[in-house]
N, C-alpha and C. Protein backbone atom coordinates (compact mmCIF):
# COMPACT_ATOMS: atom_id res chain seq x y z
N MET A 1 70.83 52.43 167.28
CA MET A 1 72.19 51.95 167.27
C MET A 1 72.75 52.01 168.68
N LYS A 2 73.51 51.00 169.03
CA LYS A 2 74.11 50.95 170.36
C LYS A 2 75.21 51.99 170.51
N THR A 3 75.37 52.42 171.73
CA THR A 3 76.45 53.37 172.03
C THR A 3 77.68 52.59 172.46
N PRO A 4 78.87 53.21 172.36
CA PRO A 4 80.07 52.52 172.82
C PRO A 4 80.05 52.30 174.33
N LYS A 5 80.71 51.25 174.78
CA LYS A 5 80.73 50.95 176.21
C LYS A 5 81.49 52.00 177.00
N LEU A 6 82.42 52.69 176.34
CA LEU A 6 83.20 53.73 177.02
C LEU A 6 82.52 55.09 177.03
N LEU A 7 81.30 55.16 176.52
CA LEU A 7 80.60 56.44 176.45
C LEU A 7 80.45 57.10 177.83
N PRO A 8 80.07 56.37 178.90
CA PRO A 8 79.98 57.03 180.21
C PRO A 8 81.33 57.58 180.69
N TRP A 9 82.40 56.87 180.36
CA TRP A 9 83.74 57.34 180.75
C TRP A 9 84.08 58.62 180.01
N TYR A 10 83.82 58.64 178.70
CA TYR A 10 84.07 59.85 177.92
C TYR A 10 83.23 61.01 178.44
N ALA A 11 81.98 60.74 178.77
CA ALA A 11 81.10 61.80 179.28
C ALA A 11 81.60 62.33 180.61
N ARG A 12 81.99 61.44 181.50
CA ARG A 12 82.49 61.86 182.81
C ARG A 12 83.78 62.65 182.66
N LYS A 13 84.64 62.20 181.75
CA LYS A 13 85.92 62.88 181.51
C LYS A 13 85.68 64.29 180.97
N ALA A 14 84.69 64.44 180.10
CA ALA A 14 84.37 65.75 179.54
C ALA A 14 83.53 66.60 180.49
N GLY A 15 82.92 65.96 181.49
CA GLY A 15 82.09 66.70 182.44
C GLY A 15 80.71 67.03 181.93
N ILE A 16 80.19 66.18 181.06
CA ILE A 16 78.84 66.41 180.53
C ILE A 16 77.95 65.23 180.91
N PRO A 17 76.64 65.40 180.90
CA PRO A 17 75.73 64.30 181.24
C PRO A 17 75.79 63.19 180.18
N ILE A 18 75.52 61.97 180.60
CA ILE A 18 75.56 60.81 179.71
C ILE A 18 74.51 60.95 178.61
N GLU A 19 73.36 61.52 178.93
CA GLU A 19 72.32 61.70 177.93
C GLU A 19 72.81 62.59 176.79
N ARG A 20 73.52 63.66 177.15
CA ARG A 20 74.05 64.56 176.12
C ARG A 20 75.13 63.86 175.31
N ALA A 21 75.97 63.05 175.96
CA ALA A 21 77.00 62.31 175.25
C ALA A 21 76.37 61.31 174.28
N THR A 22 75.25 60.70 174.67
CA THR A 22 74.54 59.78 173.78
C THR A 22 74.04 60.52 172.54
N THR A 23 73.51 61.71 172.74
CA THR A 23 73.05 62.53 171.62
C THR A 23 74.21 62.87 170.69
N LEU A 24 75.35 63.22 171.28
CA LEU A 24 76.53 63.52 170.47
C LEU A 24 77.01 62.30 169.71
N TRP A 25 76.90 61.11 170.32
CA TRP A 25 77.31 59.89 169.63
C TRP A 25 76.43 59.65 168.40
N HIS A 26 75.12 59.82 168.56
CA HIS A 26 74.22 59.63 167.42
C HIS A 26 74.50 60.65 166.31
N GLU A 27 74.84 61.86 166.70
CA GLU A 27 75.20 62.87 165.71
C GLU A 27 76.50 62.49 165.00
N ALA A 28 77.46 61.95 165.74
CA ALA A 28 78.73 61.52 165.14
C ALA A 28 78.51 60.36 164.17
N VAL A 29 77.60 59.46 164.51
CA VAL A 29 77.28 58.34 163.62
C VAL A 29 76.66 58.85 162.32
N ARG A 30 75.77 59.83 162.43
CA ARG A 30 75.18 60.42 161.22
C ARG A 30 76.24 61.08 160.35
N GLU A 31 77.18 61.80 161.00
CA GLU A 31 78.26 62.44 160.25
C GLU A 31 79.15 61.40 159.58
N ALA A 32 79.45 60.31 160.27
CA ALA A 32 80.30 59.27 159.71
C ALA A 32 79.62 58.59 158.53
N THR A 33 78.33 58.38 158.64
CA THR A 33 77.59 57.77 157.53
C THR A 33 77.61 58.69 156.31
N ALA A 34 77.44 59.98 156.54
CA ALA A 34 77.46 60.93 155.43
C ALA A 34 78.86 61.05 154.83
N ALA A 35 79.89 60.97 155.66
CA ALA A 35 81.26 61.15 155.18
C ALA A 35 81.77 59.93 154.42
N THR A 36 81.47 58.73 154.91
CA THR A 36 82.04 57.52 154.30
C THR A 36 81.10 56.87 153.30
N GLY A 37 79.82 56.99 153.49
CA GLY A 37 78.87 56.33 152.60
C GLY A 37 78.68 54.86 152.93
N TRP A 38 79.43 54.36 153.85
CA TRP A 38 79.35 52.95 154.26
C TRP A 38 78.96 52.88 155.72
N VAL A 39 78.48 51.73 156.12
CA VAL A 39 78.15 51.52 157.53
C VAL A 39 78.79 50.21 157.97
N GLY A 40 79.57 50.28 159.04
CA GLY A 40 80.07 49.05 159.64
C GLY A 40 81.50 48.69 159.35
N ASN A 41 82.18 49.37 158.43
CA ASN A 41 83.58 49.01 158.19
C ASN A 41 84.50 49.82 159.10
N ALA A 42 85.78 49.53 159.05
CA ALA A 42 86.74 50.18 159.95
C ALA A 42 86.83 51.68 159.71
N GLU A 43 86.77 52.09 158.46
CA GLU A 43 86.82 53.52 158.14
C GLU A 43 85.62 54.25 158.74
N TYR A 44 84.46 53.63 158.67
CA TYR A 44 83.23 54.21 159.23
C TYR A 44 83.36 54.39 160.74
N TRP A 45 83.80 53.34 161.45
CA TRP A 45 83.92 53.43 162.91
C TRP A 45 85.00 54.41 163.32
N GLY A 46 86.09 54.46 162.56
CA GLY A 46 87.13 55.44 162.86
C GLY A 46 86.62 56.86 162.69
N GLU A 47 85.88 57.08 161.64
CA GLU A 47 85.29 58.40 161.41
C GLU A 47 84.26 58.74 162.49
N ALA A 48 83.49 57.74 162.90
CA ALA A 48 82.47 57.97 163.94
C ALA A 48 83.12 58.36 165.26
N ILE A 49 84.16 57.64 165.66
CA ILE A 49 84.80 57.95 166.95
C ILE A 49 85.53 59.29 166.88
N ASN A 50 86.15 59.60 165.73
CA ASN A 50 86.81 60.90 165.58
C ASN A 50 85.80 62.04 165.65
N ALA A 51 84.67 61.87 164.99
CA ALA A 51 83.62 62.90 165.04
C ALA A 51 83.07 63.04 166.45
N PHE A 52 82.90 61.90 167.13
CA PHE A 52 82.39 61.94 168.52
C PHE A 52 83.36 62.69 169.43
N LEU A 53 84.64 62.39 169.32
CA LEU A 53 85.62 63.07 170.17
C LEU A 53 85.68 64.57 169.86
N ARG A 54 85.55 64.92 168.58
CA ARG A 54 85.54 66.33 168.21
C ARG A 54 84.30 67.03 168.79
N LEU A 55 83.14 66.39 168.64
CA LEU A 55 81.91 66.96 169.20
C LEU A 55 81.99 67.06 170.72
N LEU A 56 82.61 66.09 171.35
CA LEU A 56 82.76 66.10 172.81
C LEU A 56 83.62 67.27 173.25
N GLU A 57 84.71 67.52 172.52
CA GLU A 57 85.58 68.66 172.84
C GLU A 57 84.84 69.98 172.67
N GLU A 58 84.07 70.09 171.58
CA GLU A 58 83.29 71.31 171.37
C GLU A 58 82.26 71.51 172.48
N GLU A 59 81.63 70.43 172.89
CA GLU A 59 80.63 70.51 173.96
C GLU A 59 81.29 70.88 175.29
N LYS A 60 82.45 70.32 175.53
CA LYS A 60 83.16 70.61 176.78
C LYS A 60 83.54 72.09 176.86
N GLU A 61 83.91 72.67 175.72
CA GLU A 61 84.26 74.09 175.71
C GLU A 61 83.06 74.99 175.99
N HIS A 62 81.86 74.56 175.57
CA HIS A 62 80.67 75.37 175.75
C HIS A 62 79.93 75.06 177.05
N PHE A 63 80.22 73.93 177.65
CA PHE A 63 79.54 73.52 178.87
C PHE A 63 80.22 74.19 180.06
N CYS A 64 79.47 74.97 180.80
CA CYS A 64 80.05 75.71 181.93
C CYS A 64 79.75 74.96 183.22
N ALA A 65 80.74 74.22 183.69
CA ALA A 65 80.60 73.50 184.94
C ALA A 65 81.78 73.87 185.83
N PRO A 66 81.56 74.77 186.78
CA PRO A 66 82.68 75.21 187.62
C PRO A 66 83.18 74.06 188.49
N CYS A 67 84.47 74.07 188.71
CA CYS A 67 85.08 73.03 189.54
C CYS A 67 84.99 73.48 191.00
N VAL A 68 84.13 72.85 191.77
CA VAL A 68 83.94 73.22 193.17
C VAL A 68 84.59 72.22 194.12
N THR A 69 85.27 71.22 193.57
CA THR A 69 85.86 70.20 194.43
C THR A 69 86.83 70.77 195.46
N PRO A 70 87.79 71.65 195.09
CA PRO A 70 88.70 72.19 196.11
C PRO A 70 87.96 72.94 197.22
N PHE A 71 86.92 73.69 196.84
CA PHE A 71 86.15 74.44 197.83
C PHE A 71 85.44 73.49 198.80
N VAL A 72 84.84 72.44 198.26
CA VAL A 72 84.13 71.48 199.11
C VAL A 72 85.10 70.76 200.03
N ARG A 73 86.27 70.40 199.50
CA ARG A 73 87.27 69.73 200.34
C ARG A 73 87.74 70.63 201.47
N SER A 74 87.96 71.92 201.17
CA SER A 74 88.40 72.82 202.24
C SER A 74 87.30 73.00 203.27
N GLN A 75 86.03 73.07 202.83
CA GLN A 75 84.94 73.17 203.79
C GLN A 75 84.85 71.92 204.66
N ASN A 76 85.09 70.77 204.05
CA ASN A 76 85.07 69.52 204.80
C ASN A 76 86.16 69.51 205.86
N ARG A 77 87.36 70.00 205.50
CA ARG A 77 88.45 70.07 206.47
C ARG A 77 88.10 71.03 207.60
N LEU A 78 87.49 72.17 207.26
CA LEU A 78 87.11 73.12 208.30
C LEU A 78 86.04 72.55 209.22
N TRP A 79 85.11 71.79 208.65
CA TRP A 79 84.06 71.17 209.45
C TRP A 79 84.63 70.12 210.40
N ARG A 80 85.65 69.39 209.93
CA ARG A 80 86.23 68.34 210.75
C ARG A 80 87.24 68.85 211.77
N LEU A 81 87.66 70.10 211.66
CA LEU A 81 88.69 70.64 212.55
C LEU A 81 88.35 70.50 214.03
N PRO A 82 87.14 70.88 214.49
CA PRO A 82 86.83 70.69 215.91
C PRO A 82 86.88 69.21 216.33
N LEU A 83 86.43 68.34 215.44
CA LEU A 83 86.46 66.92 215.77
C LEU A 83 87.90 66.40 215.88
N THR A 84 88.75 66.86 214.99
CA THR A 84 90.16 66.46 215.04
C THR A 84 90.82 66.99 216.30
N ALA A 85 90.52 68.24 216.66
CA ALA A 85 91.09 68.82 217.88
C ALA A 85 90.61 68.05 219.11
N MET A 86 89.34 67.69 219.14
CA MET A 86 88.81 66.93 220.27
C MET A 86 89.46 65.56 220.34
N GLU A 87 89.69 64.94 219.21
CA GLU A 87 90.36 63.64 219.19
C GLU A 87 91.78 63.75 219.75
N ASP A 88 92.49 64.82 219.40
CA ASP A 88 93.83 65.03 219.93
C ASP A 88 93.81 65.25 221.43
N VAL A 89 92.84 66.01 221.91
CA VAL A 89 92.73 66.26 223.35
C VAL A 89 92.44 64.95 224.10
N VAL A 90 91.53 64.16 223.58
CA VAL A 90 91.19 62.89 224.22
C VAL A 90 92.39 61.96 224.22
N SER A 91 93.15 61.93 223.15
CA SER A 91 94.36 61.09 223.10
C SER A 91 95.38 61.55 224.13
N ALA A 92 95.56 62.86 224.26
CA ALA A 92 96.51 63.38 225.24
C ALA A 92 96.07 63.07 226.65
N VAL A 93 94.80 63.23 226.96
CA VAL A 93 94.27 62.93 228.29
C VAL A 93 94.42 61.44 228.59
N SER A 94 94.12 60.61 227.61
CA SER A 94 94.24 59.17 227.79
C SER A 94 95.68 58.77 228.07
N ALA A 95 96.63 59.32 227.31
CA ALA A 95 98.04 59.01 227.53
C ALA A 95 98.48 59.49 228.91
N SER A 96 98.03 60.67 229.30
CA SER A 96 98.38 61.20 230.61
C SER A 96 97.79 60.32 231.72
N TRP A 97 96.55 59.89 231.54
CA TRP A 97 95.90 59.04 232.54
C TRP A 97 96.64 57.70 232.68
N GLN A 98 97.06 57.14 231.57
CA GLN A 98 97.79 55.87 231.61
C GLN A 98 99.13 56.04 232.31
N ARG A 99 99.84 57.15 232.06
CA ARG A 99 101.11 57.40 232.75
C ARG A 99 100.87 57.57 234.25
N TYR A 100 99.83 58.30 234.60
CA TYR A 100 99.52 58.53 236.01
C TYR A 100 99.17 57.22 236.70
N SER A 101 98.35 56.38 236.05
CA SER A 101 97.97 55.12 236.69
C SER A 101 99.16 54.18 236.80
N ALA A 102 100.10 54.22 235.84
CA ALA A 102 101.30 53.39 235.93
C ALA A 102 102.17 53.86 237.09
N LEU A 103 102.29 55.18 237.31
CA LEU A 103 103.08 55.70 238.43
C LEU A 103 102.40 55.36 239.75
N ALA A 104 101.07 55.40 239.79
CA ALA A 104 100.34 55.09 241.02
C ALA A 104 100.52 53.62 241.39
N ARG A 105 100.57 52.74 240.37
CA ARG A 105 100.78 51.31 240.66
C ARG A 105 102.18 51.04 241.17
N LYS A 106 103.17 51.78 240.63
CA LYS A 106 104.55 51.61 241.08
C LYS A 106 104.70 52.08 242.53
N ALA A 107 104.02 53.17 242.86
CA ALA A 107 104.13 53.74 244.21
C ALA A 107 103.43 52.86 245.24
N ALA A 108 102.47 52.11 244.83
CA ALA A 108 101.70 51.30 245.79
C ALA A 108 102.35 50.00 246.07
């Protein structure tokens, strides 16, 4: 059975691998089939998506994926700090050089 097109989005939102989300979708389809007894009607698909979202929430609670994004961003800023400082120094020297050369042209 095909998976929903939004499955990668749901997986990314929950922070779990797409393969695991696909497994959860198949489990939700089995639960929906057992609950409704029908396949393909609106009640079946509603039950399938509700079961999938419930399973996704349960998986998200058990899946331990620490959020390292703030740490990586701060490290990136610290790594770029010398480059930013050098850029500021070069800009200041360039502005000073342009002012000096403009004064030298006026004096000549």
